[in-house]
Amino acid sequence: MKRLRIMLLFFIVSHAHAHKPSDTYLTLVVKGAEIAGQWNIALRDLDYAIGLDIDGDAQITWGEVRTRHQDIAAYAMSRLALKSEDGSCKANVSDHLSDEHTDGGYSVIRFVAAMQPSGAIIGGA
């Protein structure tokens, strides 16, 4: 009986699935008064937030992502705040790409923003 319990426990443990929390990657490069940024956001997070899987087949395709670029940009950029000593710096999306990380697909948003000439970045949200 003890051997059966050990085997049952092994069976249960061997079929447990781990879930890695999603990551997001934000890169900022400041050159003079310009900020160039790239933000990689997990597709599964975007699907949860704004719904990317249009046909409901549990597979997010590049076509589904491409048709939602404006929505992805609006969602992401409304959650990003760049500030200088002189005030906020409005970021404008310049490109949409895709990338694959170990935990799945990512939407890549590239953007640029201009700081006031005397300012420096002091924070973000």
Protein backbone atom coordinates (compact mmCIF):
# COMPACT_ATOMS: atom_id res chain seq x y z
CA MET A 1 0.00 0.00 0.00
CA LYS A 2 2.84 2.40 0.85
CA ARG A 3 4.45 1.70 -2.53
CA LEU A 4 1.15 2.48 -4.26
CA ARG A 5 0.93 5.84 -2.49
CA ILE A 6 4.50 6.71 -3.48
CA MET A 7 3.80 5.77 -7.10
CA LEU A 8 0.56 7.79 -7.05
CA LEU A 9 2.40 10.78 -5.61
CA PHE A 10 5.09 10.47 -8.29
CA PHE A 11 2.40 10.33 -10.97
CA ILE A 12 0.72 13.48 -9.66
CA VAL A 13 3.99 15.40 -9.30
CA SER A 14 5.23 14.38 -12.74
CA HIS A 15 2.07 15.81 -14.30
CA ALA A 16 2.13 19.15 -12.50
CA HIS A 17 2.58 22.09 -14.83
CA ALA A 18 4.48 25.18 -13.85
CA HIS A 19 3.37 28.59 -15.08
CA LYS A 20 5.96 31.29 -15.60
CA PRO A 21 4.61 34.78 -15.00
CA SER A 22 4.83 36.96 -18.09
CA ASP A 23 7.65 39.39 -18.51
CA THR A 24 7.78 42.73 -20.22
CA TYR A 25 10.94 44.34 -21.53
CA LEU A 26 11.34 48.10 -21.79
CA THR A 27 14.49 49.62 -23.28
CA LEU A 28 15.14 53.37 -23.40
CA VAL A 29 18.04 55.05 -25.18
CA VAL A 30 18.54 58.78 -24.64
CA LYS A 31 20.49 60.73 -27.27
CA GLY A 32 20.42 64.46 -26.71
CA ALA A 33 16.78 65.50 -26.40
CA GLU A 34 15.41 62.32 -28.03
CA ILE A 35 14.32 59.15 -26.28
CA ALA A 36 14.13 56.01 -28.41
CA GLY A 37 12.29 53.13 -26.81
CA GLN A 38 11.34 49.55 -27.41
CA TRP A 39 8.73 47.74 -25.36
CA ASN A 40 8.23 43.98 -25.67
CA ILE A 41 4.89 42.86 -24.21
CA ALA A 42 3.77 39.23 -23.99
CA LEU A 43 1.01 38.38 -26.44
CA ARG A 44 -0.82 36.38 -23.76
CA ASP A 45 -0.99 39.51 -21.58
CA LEU A 46 -2.25 41.60 -24.48
CA ASP A 47 -4.80 38.92 -25.34
CA TYR A 48 -6.06 39.04 -21.77
CA ALA A 49 -6.16 42.84 -21.76
CA ILE A 50 -7.61 43.65 -25.19
CA GLY A 51 -8.40 40.31 -26.87
CA LEU A 52 -6.08 39.35 -29.73
CA ASP A 53 -7.36 35.85 -30.55
CA ILE A 54 -10.03 37.01 -32.99
CA ASP A 55 -11.13 33.55 -34.18
CA GLY A 56 -11.05 32.02 -30.69
CA ASP A 57 -8.83 29.07 -31.65
CA ALA A 58 -6.39 29.66 -28.74
CA GLN A 59 -3.62 30.49 -31.26
CA ILE A 60 -2.56 34.11 -31.70
CA THR A 61 -1.30 34.65 -35.24
CA TRP A 62 0.74 37.51 -36.68
CA GLY A 63 -2.31 38.43 -38.77
CA GLU A 64 -4.43 38.80 -35.64
CA VAL A 65 -1.73 40.92 -33.99
CA ARG A 66 -1.23 43.05 -37.10
CA THR A 67 -4.92 43.95 -37.29
CA ARG A 68 -4.75 45.18 -33.68
CA HIS A 69 -1.58 47.31 -33.87
CA GLN A 70 -3.47 50.54 -33.15
CA ASP A 71 -5.26 48.97 -30.18
CA ILE A 72 -2.00 47.49 -28.83
CA ALA A 73 -0.25 50.85 -29.15
CA ALA A 74 -3.12 52.72 -27.51
CA TYR A 75 -3.25 50.24 -24.63
CA ALA A 76 0.52 50.20 -24.05
CA MET A 77 1.25 53.88 -24.49
CA SER A 78 -1.58 54.86 -22.16
CA ARG A 79 0.35 53.01 -19.45
CA LEU A 80 3.76 54.55 -20.13
CA ALA A 81 4.78 57.94 -18.74
CA LEU A 82 8.08 59.57 -19.65
CA LYS A 83 8.96 62.77 -17.80
CA SER A 84 11.76 65.29 -17.80
CA GLU A 85 12.50 68.08 -15.35
CA ASP A 86 10.44 70.35 -17.63
CA GLY A 87 7.39 68.10 -17.91
CA SER A 88 6.09 65.05 -19.67
CA CYS A 89 7.45 63.68 -22.95
CA LYS A 90 4.82 62.32 -25.31
CA ALA A 91 5.91 59.11 -26.99
CA ASN A 92 4.90 58.33 -30.58
CA VAL A 93 4.90 54.76 -31.88
CA SER A 94 7.24 54.35 -34.84
CA ASP A 95 7.10 50.61 -35.55
CA HIS A 96 5.43 47.32 -34.62
CA LEU A 97 7.38 44.06 -34.66
CA SER A 98 7.08 40.64 -33.12
CA ASP A 99 9.56 38.56 -31.16
CA GLU A 100 9.73 35.12 -29.60
CA HIS A 101 11.03 34.57 -26.07
CA THR A 102 11.32 31.36 -24.10
CA ASP A 103 7.82 31.87 -22.66
CA GLY A 104 6.05 32.69 -25.95
CA GLY A 105 5.37 35.43 -28.45
CA TYR A 106 5.74 39.14 -27.82
CA SER A 107 4.50 42.27 -29.51
CA VAL A 108 7.35 44.76 -29.93
CA ILE A 109 6.49 48.45 -29.94
CA ARG A 110 9.17 50.94 -30.94
CA PHE A 111 8.60 54.57 -30.09
CA VAL A 112 10.31 57.96 -29.92
CA ALA A 113 9.79 60.91 -27.61
CA ALA A 114 11.38 64.34 -27.35
CA MET A 115 12.50 65.89 -24.08
CA GLN A 116 12.62 69.58 -23.40
CA PRO A 117 16.17 70.74 -24.22
CA SER A 118 17.14 71.42 -20.61
CA GLY A 119 15.42 68.32 -19.20
CA ALA A 120 16.48 64.87 -18.16
CA ILE A 121 14.32 61.84 -17.54
CA ILE A 122 13.30 61.78 -13.90
CA GLY A 123 10.80 58.94 -13.80
CA GLY A 124 8.24 56.77 -15.51
CA ALA A 125 5.19 54.73 -14.72
